[in-house]
N, C-alpha and C. Protein backbone atom coordinates (compact mmCIF):
# COMPACT_ATOMS: atom_id res chain seq x y z
N MET A 1 0.85 -1.20 0.00
CA MET A 1 0.00 0.00 0.00
C MET A 1 0.88 1.24 0.00
N SER A 2 0.53 2.22 -0.82
CA SER A 2 1.27 3.48 -0.84
C SER A 2 0.55 4.49 0.03
N PHE A 3 1.34 5.32 0.71
CA PHE A 3 0.77 6.30 1.62
C PHE A 3 1.14 7.71 1.16
N ASN A 4 0.18 8.60 1.21
CA ASN A 4 0.43 9.99 0.84
C ASN A 4 0.78 10.78 2.10
N LEU A 5 2.06 10.86 2.40
CA LEU A 5 2.53 11.58 3.59
C LEU A 5 2.96 12.98 3.20
N ILE A 6 2.47 13.97 3.92
CA ILE A 6 2.86 15.35 3.67
C ILE A 6 3.83 15.76 4.76
N ARG A 7 5.07 16.06 4.37
CA ARG A 7 6.14 16.31 5.34
C ARG A 7 6.51 17.79 5.38
N PHE A 8 6.76 18.27 6.59
CA PHE A 8 7.20 19.64 6.80
C PHE A 8 8.43 19.62 7.71
N GLY A 9 9.43 20.43 7.40
CA GLY A 9 10.58 20.59 8.29
C GLY A 9 11.51 19.39 8.32
N SER A 10 12.40 19.39 9.31
CA SER A 10 13.37 18.31 9.49
C SER A 10 13.39 17.91 10.96
N PRO A 11 13.75 16.66 11.25
CA PRO A 11 13.65 16.14 12.62
C PRO A 11 14.82 16.51 13.54
N GLU A 12 15.07 17.82 13.67
CA GLU A 12 16.13 18.25 14.59
C GLU A 12 15.79 17.85 16.03
N LYS A 13 14.56 18.05 16.42
CA LYS A 13 14.12 17.71 17.78
C LYS A 13 13.46 16.34 17.82
N ALA A 14 12.50 16.12 16.93
CA ALA A 14 11.75 14.87 16.88
C ALA A 14 10.85 14.91 15.66
N THR A 15 10.17 13.81 15.40
CA THR A 15 9.15 13.76 14.35
C THR A 15 7.79 13.73 15.01
N ILE A 16 6.88 14.59 14.53
CA ILE A 16 5.51 14.63 15.04
C ILE A 16 4.58 14.18 13.91
N LEU A 17 3.84 13.12 14.18
CA LEU A 17 2.88 12.57 13.22
C LEU A 17 1.48 12.94 13.67
N LEU A 18 0.76 13.71 12.86
CA LEU A 18 -0.55 14.23 13.25
C LEU A 18 -1.65 13.75 12.32
N ALA A 19 -2.73 13.24 12.91
CA ALA A 19 -3.90 12.83 12.16
C ALA A 19 -4.99 13.90 12.25
N HIS A 20 -5.78 14.01 11.22
CA HIS A 20 -6.84 15.02 11.15
C HIS A 20 -8.06 14.63 11.98
N GLY A 21 -8.98 15.58 12.12
CA GLY A 21 -10.24 15.33 12.81
C GLY A 21 -11.24 14.63 11.91
N ALA A 22 -12.45 14.41 12.42
CA ALA A 22 -13.45 13.61 11.69
C ALA A 22 -13.92 14.26 10.40
N GLY A 23 -14.08 15.59 10.39
CA GLY A 23 -14.74 16.22 9.27
C GLY A 23 -13.87 16.98 8.30
N ALA A 24 -12.61 17.23 8.63
CA ALA A 24 -11.71 17.98 7.76
C ALA A 24 -10.37 17.25 7.68
N GLY A 25 -9.79 17.22 6.49
CA GLY A 25 -8.60 16.42 6.27
C GLY A 25 -7.29 17.11 6.60
N SER A 26 -6.21 16.53 6.10
CA SER A 26 -4.86 17.00 6.41
C SER A 26 -4.58 18.39 5.85
N ASP A 27 -5.38 18.81 4.87
CA ASP A 27 -5.15 20.11 4.23
C ASP A 27 -5.98 21.23 4.86
N SER A 28 -6.61 20.98 5.99
CA SER A 28 -7.39 22.04 6.64
C SER A 28 -6.45 23.14 7.13
N ALA A 29 -7.01 24.32 7.36
CA ALA A 29 -6.21 25.45 7.83
C ALA A 29 -5.55 25.13 9.16
N PHE A 30 -6.26 24.44 10.04
CA PHE A 30 -5.74 24.09 11.35
C PHE A 30 -4.54 23.16 11.22
N MET A 31 -4.69 22.07 10.48
CA MET A 31 -3.62 21.09 10.35
C MET A 31 -2.39 21.70 9.67
N THR A 32 -2.62 22.49 8.63
CA THR A 32 -1.51 23.11 7.92
C THR A 32 -0.77 24.10 8.80
N ALA A 33 -1.51 24.90 9.55
CA ALA A 33 -0.88 25.89 10.43
C ALA A 33 -0.01 25.23 11.49
N PHE A 34 -0.50 24.15 12.08
CA PHE A 34 0.28 23.48 13.12
C PHE A 34 1.48 22.74 12.52
N ALA A 35 1.32 22.17 11.35
CA ALA A 35 2.45 21.49 10.71
C ALA A 35 3.57 22.48 10.38
N ILE A 36 3.22 23.61 9.80
CA ILE A 36 4.21 24.61 9.44
C ILE A 36 4.83 25.24 10.70
N GLY A 37 3.98 25.55 11.68
CA GLY A 37 4.46 26.18 12.91
C GLY A 37 5.43 25.29 13.67
N LEU A 38 5.11 24.01 13.77
CA LEU A 38 5.99 23.09 14.50
C LEU A 38 7.27 22.81 13.72
N ALA A 39 7.19 22.82 12.39
CA ALA A 39 8.40 22.67 11.57
C ALA A 39 9.37 23.82 11.83
N LYS A 40 8.83 25.03 12.02
CA LYS A 40 9.68 26.19 12.31
C LYS A 40 10.36 26.06 13.67
N HIS A 41 9.80 25.23 14.54
CA HIS A 41 10.38 25.01 15.86
C HIS A 41 11.40 23.86 15.87
N GLY A 42 11.69 23.29 14.72
CA GLY A 42 12.70 22.26 14.64
C GLY A 42 12.20 20.83 14.63
N PHE A 43 10.90 20.66 14.39
CA PHE A 43 10.32 19.32 14.30
C PHE A 43 10.07 18.96 12.83
N GLU A 44 10.20 17.67 12.51
CA GLU A 44 9.64 17.17 11.26
C GLU A 44 8.18 16.86 11.58
N THR A 45 7.26 17.48 10.85
CA THR A 45 5.84 17.25 11.09
C THR A 45 5.25 16.56 9.86
N ILE A 46 4.54 15.47 10.10
CA ILE A 46 3.99 14.68 9.00
C ILE A 46 2.47 14.59 9.14
N LEU A 47 1.78 14.88 8.04
CA LEU A 47 0.33 14.79 7.98
C LEU A 47 -0.08 13.69 6.99
N PHE A 48 -1.28 13.18 7.17
CA PHE A 48 -1.82 12.17 6.25
C PHE A 48 -3.33 12.18 6.34
N ASP A 49 -3.98 11.52 5.39
CA ASP A 49 -5.43 11.36 5.42
C ASP A 49 -5.79 9.90 5.69
N PHE A 50 -6.77 9.67 6.54
CA PHE A 50 -7.32 8.33 6.68
C PHE A 50 -8.02 7.95 5.36
N PRO A 51 -8.14 6.66 5.06
CA PRO A 51 -8.74 6.25 3.77
C PRO A 51 -10.12 6.84 3.51
N TYR A 52 -10.98 6.93 4.51
CA TYR A 52 -12.33 7.47 4.28
C TYR A 52 -12.27 8.92 3.84
N MET A 53 -11.29 9.68 4.39
CA MET A 53 -11.14 11.09 4.03
C MET A 53 -10.58 11.22 2.61
N ALA A 54 -9.63 10.36 2.27
CA ALA A 54 -9.08 10.38 0.90
C ALA A 54 -10.18 10.08 -0.11
N GLN A 55 -11.06 9.12 0.22
CA GLN A 55 -12.18 8.79 -0.67
C GLN A 55 -13.16 9.96 -0.76
N MET A 56 -13.38 10.62 0.37
CA MET A 56 -14.29 11.77 0.40
C MET A 56 -13.78 12.87 -0.52
N LYS A 57 -12.47 13.08 -0.50
CA LYS A 57 -11.89 14.12 -1.35
C LYS A 57 -11.98 13.74 -2.82
N ARG A 58 -11.79 12.46 -3.12
CA ARG A 58 -11.88 12.01 -4.53
C ARG A 58 -13.29 12.14 -5.08
N GLU A 59 -14.27 11.78 -4.25
CA GLU A 59 -15.66 11.73 -4.73
C GLU A 59 -16.42 13.03 -4.52
N GLY A 60 -15.90 13.88 -3.66
CA GLY A 60 -16.60 15.13 -3.37
C GLY A 60 -17.86 14.95 -2.56
N LYS A 61 -17.97 13.83 -1.86
CA LYS A 61 -19.14 13.53 -1.03
C LYS A 61 -18.71 13.28 0.41
N ARG A 62 -19.45 13.84 1.34
CA ARG A 62 -19.13 13.63 2.75
C ARG A 62 -19.34 12.18 3.15
N ARG A 63 -18.44 11.67 3.97
CA ARG A 63 -18.53 10.31 4.46
C ARG A 63 -18.25 10.30 5.96
N PRO A 64 -18.88 9.40 6.70
CA PRO A 64 -18.54 9.28 8.12
C PRO A 64 -17.20 8.58 8.26
N PRO A 65 -16.50 8.80 9.35
CA PRO A 65 -15.24 8.08 9.58
C PRO A 65 -15.48 6.58 9.69
N ASP A 66 -14.46 5.80 9.37
CA ASP A 66 -14.53 4.37 9.60
C ASP A 66 -14.56 4.10 11.10
N LYS A 67 -14.87 2.87 11.49
CA LYS A 67 -14.88 2.49 12.90
C LYS A 67 -13.48 2.59 13.47
N ALA A 68 -13.41 2.83 14.79
CA ALA A 68 -12.12 3.07 15.45
C ALA A 68 -11.08 1.98 15.19
N PRO A 69 -11.42 0.68 15.27
CA PRO A 69 -10.37 -0.33 15.03
C PRO A 69 -9.69 -0.21 13.67
N LYS A 70 -10.46 0.14 12.64
CA LYS A 70 -9.89 0.30 11.30
C LYS A 70 -8.97 1.52 11.25
N LEU A 71 -9.38 2.60 11.91
CA LEU A 71 -8.56 3.81 11.94
C LEU A 71 -7.27 3.57 12.73
N VAL A 72 -7.38 2.86 13.84
CA VAL A 72 -6.19 2.54 14.65
C VAL A 72 -5.21 1.70 13.83
N SER A 73 -5.73 0.72 13.11
CA SER A 73 -4.89 -0.14 12.30
C SER A 73 -4.17 0.64 11.21
N PHE A 74 -4.87 1.58 10.58
CA PHE A 74 -4.25 2.39 9.54
C PHE A 74 -3.18 3.30 10.13
N TYR A 75 -3.47 3.89 11.30
CA TYR A 75 -2.48 4.76 11.96
C TYR A 75 -1.19 3.96 12.23
N LYS A 76 -1.35 2.72 12.65
CA LYS A 76 -0.18 1.88 12.92
C LYS A 76 0.63 1.65 11.64
N GLU A 77 -0.06 1.46 10.52
CA GLU A 77 0.62 1.28 9.24
C GLU A 77 1.43 2.53 8.88
N ILE A 78 0.85 3.69 9.14
CA ILE A 78 1.55 4.94 8.86
C ILE A 78 2.83 5.03 9.69
N ILE A 79 2.76 4.68 10.96
CA ILE A 79 3.94 4.72 11.84
C ILE A 79 5.03 3.80 11.30
N THR A 80 4.64 2.62 10.84
CA THR A 80 5.61 1.68 10.26
C THR A 80 6.27 2.29 9.03
N GLU A 81 5.51 3.01 8.25
CA GLU A 81 6.05 3.66 7.04
C GLU A 81 7.00 4.80 7.40
N VAL A 82 6.68 5.54 8.44
CA VAL A 82 7.48 6.72 8.82
C VAL A 82 8.83 6.32 9.40
N ARG A 83 8.86 5.34 10.29
CA ARG A 83 10.10 4.82 10.88
C ARG A 83 10.97 5.92 11.49
N ALA A 84 10.42 6.73 12.32
CA ALA A 84 11.18 7.81 12.97
C ALA A 84 11.82 7.32 14.26
N PRO A 85 13.08 7.70 14.53
CA PRO A 85 13.75 7.26 15.76
C PRO A 85 13.15 7.84 17.03
N HIS A 86 12.67 9.09 16.98
CA HIS A 86 12.00 9.69 18.14
C HIS A 86 10.68 10.26 17.64
N LEU A 87 9.60 9.57 17.95
CA LEU A 87 8.31 9.87 17.34
C LEU A 87 7.26 10.28 18.36
N ILE A 88 6.61 11.40 18.07
CA ILE A 88 5.47 11.87 18.84
C ILE A 88 4.25 11.71 17.94
N ILE A 89 3.24 11.01 18.40
CA ILE A 89 2.04 10.82 17.60
C ILE A 89 0.87 11.59 18.22
N GLY A 90 -0.14 11.83 17.42
CA GLY A 90 -1.30 12.55 17.94
C GLY A 90 -2.19 13.03 16.83
N GLY A 91 -2.89 14.12 17.08
CA GLY A 91 -3.76 14.66 16.06
C GLY A 91 -4.82 15.59 16.62
N LYS A 92 -5.65 16.04 15.71
CA LYS A 92 -6.74 16.95 16.03
C LYS A 92 -8.00 16.14 16.34
N SER A 93 -8.59 16.35 17.49
CA SER A 93 -9.87 15.75 17.87
C SER A 93 -9.86 14.23 17.66
N MET A 94 -10.64 13.72 16.70
CA MET A 94 -10.71 12.29 16.48
C MET A 94 -9.34 11.69 16.17
N GLY A 95 -8.52 12.40 15.40
CA GLY A 95 -7.19 11.90 15.06
C GLY A 95 -6.34 11.68 16.29
N GLY A 96 -6.44 12.59 17.26
CA GLY A 96 -5.72 12.42 18.51
C GLY A 96 -6.27 11.27 19.33
N ARG A 97 -7.57 11.11 19.31
CA ARG A 97 -8.17 10.00 20.05
C ARG A 97 -7.68 8.66 19.49
N ILE A 98 -7.63 8.54 18.17
CA ILE A 98 -7.17 7.30 17.55
C ILE A 98 -5.71 7.04 17.92
N ALA A 99 -4.88 8.07 17.89
CA ALA A 99 -3.48 7.92 18.27
C ALA A 99 -3.36 7.47 19.72
N SER A 100 -4.19 8.02 20.58
CA SER A 100 -4.14 7.65 22.01
C SER A 100 -4.57 6.20 22.21
N MET A 101 -5.56 5.76 21.46
CA MET A 101 -6.01 4.37 21.57
C MET A 101 -4.92 3.41 21.12
N LEU A 102 -4.21 3.78 20.05
CA LEU A 102 -3.10 2.95 19.56
C LEU A 102 -1.98 2.88 20.59
N LEU A 103 -1.62 4.02 21.16
CA LEU A 103 -0.53 4.06 22.13
C LEU A 103 -0.89 3.31 23.40
N ALA A 104 -2.17 3.32 23.77
CA ALA A 104 -2.61 2.55 24.94
C ALA A 104 -2.46 1.05 24.68
N GLN A 105 -2.70 0.64 23.44
CA GLN A 105 -2.59 -0.77 23.08
C GLN A 105 -1.13 -1.20 22.91
N GLU A 106 -0.30 -0.29 22.38
CA GLU A 106 1.10 -0.61 22.09
C GLU A 106 2.00 0.51 22.64
N PRO A 107 2.33 0.44 23.93
CA PRO A 107 3.05 1.53 24.60
C PRO A 107 4.42 1.87 24.01
N GLN A 108 5.03 0.94 23.27
CA GLN A 108 6.37 1.19 22.73
C GLN A 108 6.35 1.77 21.32
N ILE A 109 5.17 2.04 20.79
CA ILE A 109 5.09 2.43 19.39
C ILE A 109 5.48 3.89 19.15
N ALA A 110 5.48 4.71 20.20
CA ALA A 110 5.86 6.12 20.07
C ALA A 110 6.42 6.63 21.39
N ASN A 111 7.12 7.77 21.31
CA ASN A 111 7.77 8.35 22.49
C ASN A 111 6.95 9.43 23.18
N GLY A 112 5.88 9.87 22.55
CA GLY A 112 5.06 10.92 23.14
C GLY A 112 3.71 11.01 22.45
N LEU A 113 2.77 11.71 23.08
CA LEU A 113 1.41 11.84 22.56
C LEU A 113 0.97 13.30 22.63
N LEU A 114 0.52 13.83 21.49
CA LEU A 114 0.07 15.21 21.40
C LEU A 114 -1.39 15.23 20.97
N LEU A 115 -2.25 15.76 21.84
CA LEU A 115 -3.69 15.78 21.58
C LEU A 115 -4.15 17.23 21.41
N LEU A 116 -4.62 17.56 20.22
CA LEU A 116 -5.06 18.92 19.90
C LEU A 116 -6.59 18.95 19.89
N GLY A 117 -7.18 19.52 20.92
CA GLY A 117 -8.64 19.53 21.02
C GLY A 117 -9.17 18.13 21.21
N TYR A 118 -8.81 17.50 22.34
CA TYR A 118 -9.24 16.12 22.55
C TYR A 118 -10.75 16.04 22.78
N PRO A 119 -11.44 15.08 22.13
CA PRO A 119 -12.89 14.94 22.32
C PRO A 119 -13.19 14.11 23.57
N PHE A 120 -13.11 14.75 24.72
CA PHE A 120 -13.31 14.04 25.99
C PHE A 120 -14.69 13.38 26.07
N HIS A 121 -15.67 13.96 25.41
CA HIS A 121 -17.02 13.40 25.37
C HIS A 121 -17.76 14.01 24.19
N PRO A 122 -18.84 13.38 23.71
CA PRO A 122 -19.65 14.01 22.68
C PRO A 122 -20.27 15.30 23.22
N PRO A 123 -20.45 16.32 22.37
CA PRO A 123 -21.06 17.56 22.85
C PRO A 123 -22.40 17.32 23.54
N GLY A 124 -22.55 17.90 24.70
CA GLY A 124 -23.79 17.76 25.45
C GLY A 124 -23.94 16.47 26.22
N LYS A 125 -22.91 15.61 26.18
CA LYS A 125 -22.99 14.32 26.88
C LYS A 125 -21.74 14.08 27.72
N PRO A 126 -21.52 14.91 28.73
CA PRO A 126 -20.30 14.79 29.54
C PRO A 126 -20.19 13.48 30.31
N GLU A 127 -21.31 12.76 30.42
CA GLU A 127 -21.26 11.48 31.13
C GLU A 127 -20.60 10.39 30.28
N ARG A 128 -20.47 10.62 28.99
CA ARG A 128 -19.88 9.61 28.09
C ARG A 128 -18.40 9.93 27.84
N LEU A 129 -17.61 9.78 28.88
CA LEU A 129 -16.19 10.13 28.80
C LEU A 129 -15.41 9.14 27.93
N ARG A 130 -14.41 9.67 27.23
CA ARG A 130 -13.55 8.86 26.37
C ARG A 130 -12.12 8.83 26.93
N THR A 131 -12.02 8.53 28.20
CA THR A 131 -10.72 8.55 28.88
C THR A 131 -10.35 7.22 29.53
N GLU A 132 -11.14 6.18 29.29
CA GLU A 132 -10.91 4.92 29.99
C GLU A 132 -9.55 4.31 29.68
N HIS A 133 -8.99 4.63 28.52
CA HIS A 133 -7.69 4.06 28.14
C HIS A 133 -6.50 4.91 28.57
N PHE A 134 -6.75 6.11 29.08
CA PHE A 134 -5.66 7.03 29.44
C PHE A 134 -4.65 6.42 30.42
N PRO A 135 -5.07 5.68 31.46
CA PRO A 135 -4.08 5.13 32.39
C PRO A 135 -3.12 4.13 31.76
N HIS A 136 -3.44 3.64 30.57
CA HIS A 136 -2.57 2.66 29.91
C HIS A 136 -1.49 3.34 29.06
N ILE A 137 -1.48 4.67 29.05
CA ILE A 137 -0.48 5.42 28.27
C ILE A 137 0.57 5.96 29.22
N ALA A 138 1.81 5.52 29.06
CA ALA A 138 2.90 5.92 29.96
C ALA A 138 3.76 7.03 29.37
N ALA A 139 3.67 7.26 28.07
CA ALA A 139 4.52 8.25 27.41
C ALA A 139 4.12 9.67 27.81
N PRO A 140 5.05 10.63 27.73
CA PRO A 140 4.70 12.03 27.98
C PRO A 140 3.55 12.45 27.06
N THR A 141 2.53 13.04 27.66
CA THR A 141 1.33 13.40 26.90
C THR A 141 0.98 14.86 27.14
N LEU A 142 0.77 15.60 26.06
CA LEU A 142 0.38 17.00 26.15
C LEU A 142 -0.97 17.18 25.45
N ILE A 143 -1.92 17.74 26.19
CA ILE A 143 -3.23 18.06 25.63
C ILE A 143 -3.32 19.57 25.46
N VAL A 144 -3.63 20.00 24.26
CA VAL A 144 -3.86 21.42 23.97
C VAL A 144 -5.36 21.58 23.78
N GLN A 145 -6.00 22.29 24.70
CA GLN A 145 -7.46 22.32 24.75
C GLN A 145 -7.99 23.74 24.87
N GLY A 146 -9.09 24.03 24.19
CA GLY A 146 -9.76 25.31 24.36
C GLY A 146 -10.54 25.34 25.66
N GLU A 147 -10.51 26.46 26.35
CA GLU A 147 -11.18 26.55 27.65
C GLU A 147 -12.67 26.27 27.57
N ARG A 148 -13.30 26.62 26.43
CA ARG A 148 -14.75 26.41 26.30
C ARG A 148 -15.07 25.36 25.23
N ASP A 149 -14.18 24.41 25.05
CA ASP A 149 -14.40 23.32 24.09
C ASP A 149 -15.66 22.54 24.47
N THR A 150 -16.59 22.41 23.53
CA THR A 150 -17.84 21.68 23.81
C THR A 150 -17.62 20.18 23.91
N PHE A 151 -16.44 19.71 23.53
CA PHE A 151 -16.09 18.30 23.68
C PHE A 151 -15.32 18.05 24.99
N GLY A 152 -15.23 19.06 25.81
CA GLY A 152 -14.52 18.94 27.08
C GLY A 152 -13.81 20.23 27.42
N GLY A 153 -14.47 21.10 28.17
CA GLY A 153 -13.90 22.40 28.54
C GLY A 153 -13.19 22.35 29.88
N LYS A 154 -12.69 23.50 30.27
CA LYS A 154 -11.85 23.57 31.46
C LYS A 154 -12.59 23.17 32.73
N ALA A 155 -13.84 23.58 32.86
CA ALA A 155 -14.60 23.28 34.08
C ALA A 155 -14.70 21.79 34.33
N LEU A 156 -14.88 21.02 33.27
CA LEU A 156 -15.02 19.57 33.43
C LEU A 156 -13.67 18.87 33.52
N VAL A 157 -12.78 19.19 32.60
CA VAL A 157 -11.52 18.43 32.48
C VAL A 157 -10.63 18.58 33.71
N THR A 158 -10.64 19.75 34.32
CA THR A 158 -9.79 19.96 35.50
C THR A 158 -10.23 19.10 36.69
N GLN A 159 -11.41 18.52 36.61
CA GLN A 159 -11.91 17.67 37.69
C GLN A 159 -11.67 16.17 37.44
N LEU A 160 -11.08 15.83 36.30
CA LEU A 160 -10.99 14.42 35.92
C LEU A 160 -9.87 13.66 36.60
N GLY A 161 -8.85 14.35 37.09
CA GLY A 161 -7.74 13.65 37.72
C GLY A 161 -6.96 12.81 36.71
N LEU A 162 -6.38 13.46 35.70
CA LEU A 162 -5.65 12.76 34.66
C LEU A 162 -4.33 12.19 35.21
N PRO A 163 -3.78 11.17 34.56
CA PRO A 163 -2.51 10.59 35.01
C PRO A 163 -1.40 11.64 35.10
N LYS A 164 -0.39 11.38 35.91
CA LYS A 164 0.67 12.35 36.17
C LYS A 164 1.53 12.66 34.95
N ASN A 165 1.57 11.76 33.98
CA ASN A 165 2.36 12.01 32.78
C ASN A 165 1.61 12.87 31.75
N TYR A 166 0.42 13.34 32.13
CA TYR A 166 -0.38 14.20 31.27
C TYR A 166 -0.22 15.66 31.68
N SER A 167 -0.05 16.53 30.68
CA SER A 167 -0.04 17.98 30.90
C SER A 167 -1.11 18.59 30.01
N ILE A 168 -1.71 19.68 30.48
CA ILE A 168 -2.72 20.38 29.67
C ILE A 168 -2.32 21.84 29.49
N TYR A 169 -2.38 22.29 28.25
CA TYR A 169 -2.24 23.72 27.97
C TYR A 169 -3.61 24.23 27.55
N TRP A 170 -4.10 25.24 28.27
CA TRP A 170 -5.42 25.79 27.98
C TRP A 170 -5.33 27.02 27.10
N CYS A 171 -5.98 26.99 25.95
CA CYS A 171 -6.04 28.15 25.06
C CYS A 171 -7.16 29.07 25.55
N PRO A 172 -6.84 30.30 25.89
CA PRO A 172 -7.83 31.21 26.47
C PRO A 172 -9.07 31.38 25.60
N ASP A 173 -10.22 31.11 26.18
CA ASP A 173 -11.52 31.28 25.53
C ASP A 173 -11.65 30.46 24.25
N GLY A 174 -10.78 29.45 24.07
CA GLY A 174 -10.77 28.69 22.83
C GLY A 174 -11.93 27.71 22.72
N ASP A 175 -12.39 27.49 21.48
CA ASP A 175 -13.40 26.48 21.22
C ASP A 175 -12.70 25.17 20.82
N HIS A 176 -13.39 24.28 20.12
CA HIS A 176 -12.82 22.97 19.79
C HIS A 176 -11.62 23.07 18.84
N SER A 177 -11.56 24.19 18.09
CA SER A 177 -10.41 24.45 17.22
C SER A 177 -9.50 25.52 17.81
N LEU A 178 -9.67 25.76 19.11
CA LEU A 178 -8.85 26.70 19.88
C LEU A 178 -9.13 28.16 19.54
N LYS A 179 -10.23 28.41 18.82
CA LYS A 179 -10.57 29.77 18.40
C LYS A 179 -11.34 30.49 19.50
N PRO A 180 -10.88 31.69 19.90
CA PRO A 180 -11.59 32.47 20.92
C PRO A 180 -12.64 33.39 20.29
N ARG A 181 -13.52 33.90 21.12
CA ARG A 181 -14.48 34.90 20.66
C ARG A 181 -13.79 36.25 20.56
N LYS A 182 -14.25 37.10 19.62
CA LYS A 182 -13.62 38.41 19.42
C LYS A 182 -13.61 39.24 20.70
N ALA A 183 -14.71 39.17 21.45
CA ALA A 183 -14.83 39.98 22.66
C ALA A 183 -13.84 39.59 23.75
N SER A 184 -13.22 38.41 23.61
CA SER A 184 -12.30 37.94 24.65
C SER A 184 -10.99 38.72 24.66
N GLY A 185 -10.66 39.34 23.53
CA GLY A 185 -9.38 40.03 23.44
C GLY A 185 -8.26 39.15 22.92
N TYR A 186 -8.55 37.87 22.74
CA TYR A 186 -7.56 36.94 22.19
C TYR A 186 -7.88 36.70 20.71
N SER A 187 -6.95 36.08 20.00
CA SER A 187 -7.16 35.80 18.59
C SER A 187 -6.86 34.34 18.28
N GLU A 188 -7.43 33.85 17.19
CA GLU A 188 -7.16 32.48 16.77
C GLU A 188 -5.68 32.30 16.48
N ALA A 189 -5.10 33.23 15.73
CA ALA A 189 -3.68 33.13 15.38
C ALA A 189 -2.81 33.14 16.64
N GLY A 190 -3.17 33.99 17.60
CA GLY A 190 -2.41 34.07 18.84
C GLY A 190 -2.51 32.79 19.65
N ASN A 191 -3.70 32.21 19.71
CA ASN A 191 -3.88 30.95 20.44
C ASN A 191 -3.10 29.82 19.78
N TRP A 192 -3.14 29.77 18.44
CA TRP A 192 -2.40 28.73 17.74
C TRP A 192 -0.90 28.88 17.96
N GLN A 193 -0.42 30.12 17.88
CA GLN A 193 1.02 30.35 18.07
C GLN A 193 1.47 29.98 19.47
N ALA A 194 0.70 30.38 20.47
CA ALA A 194 1.04 30.04 21.85
C ALA A 194 1.02 28.53 22.07
N ALA A 195 0.08 27.86 21.44
CA ALA A 195 0.01 26.40 21.54
C ALA A 195 1.25 25.75 20.93
N GLN A 196 1.65 26.24 19.77
CA GLN A 196 2.84 25.70 19.10
C GLN A 196 4.10 25.94 19.94
N ASP A 197 4.21 27.11 20.53
CA ASP A 197 5.35 27.41 21.41
C ASP A 197 5.38 26.45 22.59
N THR A 198 4.21 26.17 23.15
CA THR A 198 4.12 25.26 24.29
C THR A 198 4.52 23.84 23.90
N ILE A 199 4.06 23.40 22.74
CA ILE A 199 4.43 22.07 22.26
C ILE A 199 5.95 21.98 22.08
N ALA A 200 6.52 23.02 21.51
CA ALA A 200 7.96 23.01 21.23
C ALA A 200 8.81 22.97 22.49
N SER A 201 8.30 23.59 23.57
CA SER A 201 9.06 23.65 24.81
C SER A 201 8.76 22.50 25.76
N HIS A 202 7.83 21.63 25.38
CA HIS A 202 7.45 20.51 26.24
C HIS A 202 8.59 19.50 26.34
N ASP A 203 8.67 18.83 27.47
CA ASP A 203 9.72 17.84 27.69
C ASP A 203 9.29 16.49 27.11
N TRP A 204 9.61 16.30 25.84
CA TRP A 204 9.23 15.07 25.15
C TRP A 204 10.27 13.97 25.38
């Protein structure tokens, strides 16, 4: 199988492999901005599309994501293709969740986990937490989350008691894509930049 990997930068610090969210692919403004920003910080950043997203782009028709086991399996294939000596895996929303599920199953497959807007629960259903596998992840983990993310905001997440190897950076007034409201005095570009700086300075 051939894989369409989009590479940015060089692995001076490490390689970061990022998967997209459920509804937008590797070429979204969010994914591109983080790939370019992290490359400027000395990381090789690699993006890719899950098969359902690649098909969606070819056909021009929206498709739901494949089931989690299929996505996890494909993510593992991508890691095998990349073969990076020091690898941080993760992604935006669903992509980060899939990476976390893989790392929980295979703790040696990567050196770190980066979750950008983690979907802690479906919107409006905080009782349906998606954190049961978190204790099985021993690698350094950084969550970059908007304070008012409808998939898990600051009020809820700070009460969860995450494992000690987890760190959270809160984007001020950020939504699920870390975007703040205009009245907050913060900006989307500023939140993204601060998040990238935090990722770059993290102890991976």
